[in-house]
Amino acid sequence: MKKYQSLLVIGANSELILPLLEEAFEHKIEMHLTYHDSKTHIQKFRSEKREKGNVFLYKLDLTDKDSVDKFCLNNNLYPDLLILTAGLTDESLNLDEKTEDSKISKIFLVNLLSPSQIINSFVEKYFEREDLNLDVVCLSSVAGIRGRKRNMYYSATKAGLNSFLSSLRQKCHKKKIRIFTVLPGYVDTRMISNLSPPKLLVVSPKRICNKIVRSLERNQQIIYPNFIWKIVSLTLRLIPEKVFKTLKF
């Protein structure tokens, strides 16, 4: 982390990212953090660090296209590390096959459309600049590997995000821009508080952040914080569709 001078986090009020913010602070990295409607965690973080570092907060609503447009067009930020953590699941919005269009639009905006727009705005800004480096780290999900009926909108958005990031890696491979995709599986946060997954499949925010830091150092651009999910993902890809559609998980 110490090679970075400026960090921008989209969705910084996520529990998942706090360990990485702590490490960034220890390395005296300037931090620009966005939040939606609640800034409790990052407000506390900034208050604790105010005397020792530069932490700046920005309100950004990923469900509001005007808000995202203004952020992309008007910000004068030039971070060398951009991290996107925002995400919604079908369960968090009570989505089902009878759900209203507004909720479906919301999950697509937060998980795919707004992150893609923000990432692309920075990539375009840096693309022809030989004097600037940019590392983009995007929290996606193994749910994007194959769709499931229990989480079909979430899976669809993460599949789209994974494909978008893969395309950007190809576009930027000769530039000073690196694109990292994080595929964590279950994370030990409030998001899975109503679920009971096997402990073997759950990873802590601290472990995810440590894995991100190591992967940045080693230039490993596809990141599985839990190796078991890498095996699961490879297995899912190999299951024929006529078999996969009969599975009940």
Protein backbone atom coordinates (compact mmCIF):
# COMPACT_ATOMS: atom_id res chain seq x y z
CA MET A 1 0.00 0.00 0.00
CA LYS A 2 2.84 2.38 0.71
CA LYS A 3 3.45 3.10 -3.00
CA TYR A 4 0.06 4.84 -3.27
CA GLN A 5 -0.47 8.52 -2.60
CA SER A 6 -4.22 8.96 -3.13
CA LEU A 7 -7.11 6.52 -2.64
CA LEU A 8 -10.73 6.87 -3.79
CA VAL A 9 -13.31 4.43 -2.41
CA ILE A 10 -16.82 4.23 -3.88
CA GLY A 11 -19.09 2.82 -1.18
CA ALA A 12 -16.74 3.44 1.74
CA ASN A 13 -19.45 2.94 4.38
CA SER A 14 -19.23 -0.80 3.71
CA GLU A 15 -17.96 -2.86 6.66
CA LEU A 16 -15.86 -4.80 4.21
CA ILE A 17 -13.42 -2.01 3.41
CA LEU A 18 -12.60 -0.68 6.89
CA PRO A 19 -9.47 -2.84 7.44
CA LEU A 20 -8.00 -1.51 4.19
CA LEU A 21 -8.76 2.09 5.19
CA GLU A 22 -6.87 1.51 8.42
CA GLU A 23 -3.85 0.27 6.48
CA ALA A 24 -4.06 3.18 4.05
CA PHE A 25 -4.04 5.56 7.00
CA GLU A 26 -0.95 3.91 8.46
CA HIS A 27 0.84 4.60 5.16
CA LYS A 28 -0.35 8.25 5.20
CA ILE A 29 -2.35 7.87 1.98
CA GLU A 30 -4.79 10.68 1.17
CA MET A 31 -8.31 9.20 1.24
CA HIS A 32 -11.43 10.27 -0.67
CA LEU A 33 -14.46 8.30 0.50
CA THR A 34 -17.99 8.28 -0.89
CA TYR A 35 -21.15 7.30 0.97
CA HIS A 36 -24.85 7.03 0.12
CA ASP A 37 -27.25 7.91 2.92
CA SER A 38 -25.33 6.83 6.01
CA LYS A 39 -21.78 7.85 6.82
CA THR A 40 -21.66 6.54 10.39
CA HIS A 41 -18.65 4.26 9.91
CA ILE A 42 -16.53 6.59 7.82
CA GLN A 43 -17.52 9.68 9.84
CA LYS A 44 -16.20 7.93 12.94
CA PHE A 45 -13.12 6.84 11.02
CA ARG A 46 -12.41 10.40 9.86
CA SER A 47 -12.97 11.82 13.35
CA GLU A 48 -10.43 9.40 14.79
CA LYS A 49 -7.86 10.20 12.08
CA ARG A 50 -8.50 13.91 11.61
CA GLU A 51 -5.37 15.07 13.41
CA LYS A 52 -3.08 12.66 11.57
CA GLY A 53 -4.24 12.39 7.97
CA ASN A 54 -6.35 13.71 5.13
CA VAL A 55 -9.76 12.06 4.84
CA PHE A 56 -12.40 13.65 2.60
CA LEU A 57 -16.06 12.58 2.38
CA TYR A 58 -18.43 12.86 -0.60
CA LYS A 59 -22.10 11.98 -0.86
CA LEU A 60 -22.81 9.84 -3.92
CA ASP A 61 -26.06 8.01 -4.67
CA LEU A 62 -25.42 5.18 -7.13
CA THR A 63 -29.17 4.79 -7.72
CA ASP A 64 -29.41 8.39 -8.98
CA LYS A 65 -28.07 8.81 -12.51
CA ASP A 66 -27.81 12.60 -12.12
CA SER A 67 -25.70 12.17 -8.99
CA VAL A 68 -23.35 9.75 -10.76
CA ASP A 69 -23.17 11.95 -13.89
CA LYS A 70 -22.20 14.99 -11.81
CA PHE A 71 -19.58 13.02 -9.91
CA CYS A 72 -17.99 11.70 -13.11
CA LEU A 73 -18.03 15.07 -14.88
CA ASN A 74 -17.13 17.43 -12.06
CA ASN A 75 -14.65 15.69 -9.81
CA ASN A 76 -11.03 16.79 -10.05
CA LEU A 77 -9.67 13.70 -8.34
CA TYR A 78 -6.63 11.85 -9.64
CA PRO A 79 -6.25 8.85 -7.33
CA ASP A 80 -3.69 6.18 -8.07
CA LEU A 81 -5.93 3.59 -6.39
CA LEU A 82 -9.68 3.37 -7.05
CA ILE A 83 -11.77 0.83 -5.08
CA LEU A 84 -15.46 0.08 -5.61
CA THR A 85 -17.30 -1.88 -2.92
CA ALA A 86 -20.98 -0.92 -3.28
CA GLY A 87 -23.45 -3.75 -3.79
CA LEU A 88 -27.03 -4.91 -3.25
CA THR A 89 -28.41 -8.45 -3.16
CA ASP A 90 -31.85 -9.70 -4.15
CA GLU A 91 -32.52 -10.48 -0.48
CA SER A 92 -31.65 -6.97 0.66
CA LEU A 93 -34.40 -5.57 -1.59
CA ASN A 94 -36.83 -8.51 -1.15
CA LEU A 95 -36.63 -9.21 -4.87
CA ASP A 96 -38.61 -12.07 -6.41
CA GLU A 97 -40.25 -12.90 -9.73
CA LYS A 98 -43.14 -10.53 -8.91
CA THR A 99 -41.05 -7.59 -7.78
CA GLU A 100 -41.60 -4.12 -9.17
CA ASP A 101 -39.38 -2.68 -11.90
CA SER A 102 -38.02 0.09 -9.63
CA LYS A 103 -36.29 -2.43 -7.38
CA ILE A 104 -34.83 -4.30 -10.33
CA SER A 105 -33.51 -1.00 -11.72
CA LYS A 106 -31.97 -0.17 -8.36
CA ILE A 107 -29.92 -3.36 -8.14
CA PHE A 108 -28.68 -2.95 -11.73
CA LEU A 109 -27.69 0.67 -11.07
CA VAL A 110 -25.80 -0.06 -7.84
CA ASN A 111 -24.12 -3.30 -8.91
CA LEU A 112 -23.38 -2.71 -12.59
CA LEU A 113 -24.35 0.49 -14.39
CA SER A 114 -23.05 3.14 -11.97
CA PRO A 115 -19.79 1.30 -11.11
CA SER A 116 -19.11 0.76 -14.82
CA GLN A 117 -19.73 4.43 -15.58
CA ILE A 118 -17.47 5.60 -12.75
CA ILE A 119 -14.65 3.22 -13.62
CA ASN A 120 -14.83 4.13 -17.30
CA SER A 121 -14.75 7.86 -16.51
CA PHE A 122 -11.43 7.43 -14.70
CA VAL A 123 -10.00 5.04 -17.29
CA GLU A 124 -10.74 7.56 -20.06
CA LYS A 125 -9.18 10.35 -18.01
CA TYR A 126 -5.96 8.36 -17.47
CA PHE A 127 -5.81 6.48 -20.78
CA GLU A 128 -3.50 8.84 -22.67
CA ARG A 129 -1.62 10.11 -19.62
CA GLU A 130 1.85 8.55 -19.50
CA ASP A 131 2.59 10.45 -16.29
CA LEU A 132 -0.23 8.81 -14.28
CA ASN A 133 -0.82 5.32 -12.92
CA LEU A 134 -4.19 3.89 -11.90
CA ASP A 135 -5.09 0.65 -10.15
CA VAL A 136 -8.81 -0.20 -10.11
CA VAL A 137 -10.06 -2.76 -7.57
CA CYS A 138 -13.70 -3.79 -7.93
CA LEU A 139 -15.56 -6.02 -5.48
CA SER A 140 -17.62 -8.40 -7.59
CA SER A 141 -18.85 -11.89 -6.69
CA VAL A 142 -18.58 -15.56 -7.58
CA ALA A 143 -22.37 -15.29 -8.03
CA GLY A 144 -21.56 -13.89 -11.47
CA ILE A 145 -20.07 -17.20 -12.61
CA ARG A 146 -23.46 -18.93 -13.08
CA GLY A 147 -26.95 -17.57 -12.48
CA ARG A 148 -29.14 -18.97 -9.68
CA LYS A 149 -32.88 -18.61 -9.20
CA ARG A 150 -32.44 -17.50 -5.56
CA ASN A 151 -30.34 -14.50 -6.54
CA MET A 152 -30.97 -14.05 -10.24
CA TYR A 153 -30.77 -10.26 -10.46
CA TYR A 154 -27.65 -10.10 -8.28
CA SER A 155 -26.05 -12.88 -10.34
CA ALA A 156 -26.92 -11.10 -13.58
CA THR A 157 -25.37 -7.81 -12.46
CA LYS A 158 -22.20 -9.48 -11.19
CA ALA A 159 -21.85 -11.46 -14.42
CA GLY A 160 -22.10 -8.19 -16.33
CA LEU A 161 -19.57 -6.53 -14.04
CA ASN A 162 -17.10 -9.41 -14.39
CA SER A 163 -17.36 -9.21 -18.18
CA PHE A 164 -16.94 -5.42 -18.16
CA LEU A 165 -13.80 -5.65 -16.01
CA SER A 166 -12.38 -8.37 -18.25
CA SER A 167 -12.94 -6.14 -21.28
CA LEU A 168 -11.19 -3.24 -19.56
CA ARG A 169 -8.19 -5.44 -18.72
CA GLN A 170 -7.83 -6.19 -22.41
CA LYS A 171 -8.24 -2.53 -23.36
CA CYS A 172 -5.72 -1.26 -20.79
CA HIS A 173 -3.06 -3.97 -20.78
CA LYS A 174 -0.49 -1.74 -22.52
CA LYS A 175 -1.34 1.30 -20.41
CA LYS A 176 -0.43 2.27 -16.85
CA ILE A 177 -3.87 1.09 -15.75
CA ARG A 178 -4.45 -2.21 -13.95
CA ILE A 179 -7.90 -3.73 -13.38
CA PHE A 180 -8.46 -6.10 -10.44
CA THR A 181 -11.61 -8.20 -9.91
CA VAL A 182 -12.30 -9.49 -6.39
CA LEU A 183 -14.50 -12.61 -6.09
CA PRO A 184 -15.04 -13.20 -2.36
CA GLY A 185 -18.07 -15.49 -1.95
CA TYR A 186 -19.72 -15.14 1.48
CA VAL A 187 -18.29 -12.30 3.59
CA ASP A 188 -18.71 -12.11 7.37
CA THR A 189 -20.77 -8.89 7.44
CA ARG A 190 -24.38 -7.95 8.15
CA MET A 191 -25.23 -8.81 4.54
CA ILE A 192 -25.25 -12.54 5.41
CA SER A 193 -26.74 -12.15 8.92
CA ASN A 194 -29.92 -13.97 7.83
CA LEU A 195 -28.01 -16.80 6.16
CA SER A 196 -26.18 -19.75 7.67
CA PRO A 197 -23.46 -20.72 5.18
CA PRO A 198 -20.78 -23.26 6.21
CA LYS A 199 -17.91 -21.51 7.97
CA LEU A 200 -15.52 -22.92 5.39
CA LEU A 201 -17.19 -20.74 2.74
CA VAL A 202 -17.13 -17.50 4.77
CA VAL A 203 -14.25 -15.02 4.70
CA SER A 204 -13.62 -12.04 6.98
CA PRO A 205 -13.25 -8.43 5.76
CA LYS A 206 -9.71 -8.42 7.16
CA ARG A 207 -8.74 -11.44 5.07
CA ILE A 208 -10.22 -9.88 1.93
CA CYS A 209 -8.32 -6.64 2.46
CA ASN A 210 -5.05 -8.50 3.12
CA LYS A 211 -5.57 -10.50 -0.07
CA ILE A 212 -6.24 -7.32 -2.06
CA VAL A 213 -3.01 -5.74 -0.80
CA ARG A 214 -0.95 -8.84 -1.65
CA SER A 215 -2.56 -9.12 -5.08
CA LEU A 216 -1.77 -5.47 -5.86
CA GLU A 217 1.87 -6.16 -4.98
CA ARG A 218 1.99 -9.34 -7.09
CA ASN A 219 -0.18 -8.06 -9.95
CA GLN A 220 -2.71 -10.90 -9.54
CA GLN A 221 -5.70 -9.33 -11.22
CA ILE A 222 -8.31 -12.03 -10.49
CA ILE A 223 -8.61 -12.28 -6.72
CA TYR A 224 -10.22 -15.13 -4.76
CA PRO A 225 -9.83 -14.31 -1.03
CA ASN A 226 -11.08 -17.82 -0.24
CA PHE A 227 -9.39 -20.49 -2.39
CA ILE A 228 -12.36 -22.83 -2.01
CA TRP A 229 -14.47 -20.44 -4.07
CA LYS A 230 -11.93 -20.64 -6.88
CA ILE A 231 -12.48 -24.40 -6.99
CA VAL A 232 -16.26 -23.93 -6.78
CA SER A 233 -16.18 -21.39 -9.61
CA LEU A 234 -14.15 -23.64 -11.88
CA THR A 235 -16.51 -26.54 -11.13
CA LEU A 236 -19.63 -24.45 -11.85
CA ARG A 237 -18.26 -23.48 -15.24
CA LEU A 238 -17.91 -27.15 -16.21
CA ILE A 239 -21.44 -28.27 -15.33
CA PRO A 240 -23.55 -28.70 -18.50
CA GLU A 241 -26.59 -26.42 -18.64
CA LYS A 242 -29.00 -29.36 -18.85
CA VAL A 243 -27.62 -30.55 -15.50
CA PHE A 244 -27.17 -27.12 -13.90
CA LYS A 245 -30.82 -26.13 -14.44
CA THR A 246 -31.97 -29.08 -12.30
CA LEU A 247 -29.83 -28.18 -9.28
CA LYS A 248 -31.65 -26.89 -6.20
CA PHE A 249 -29.00 -24.64 -4.60
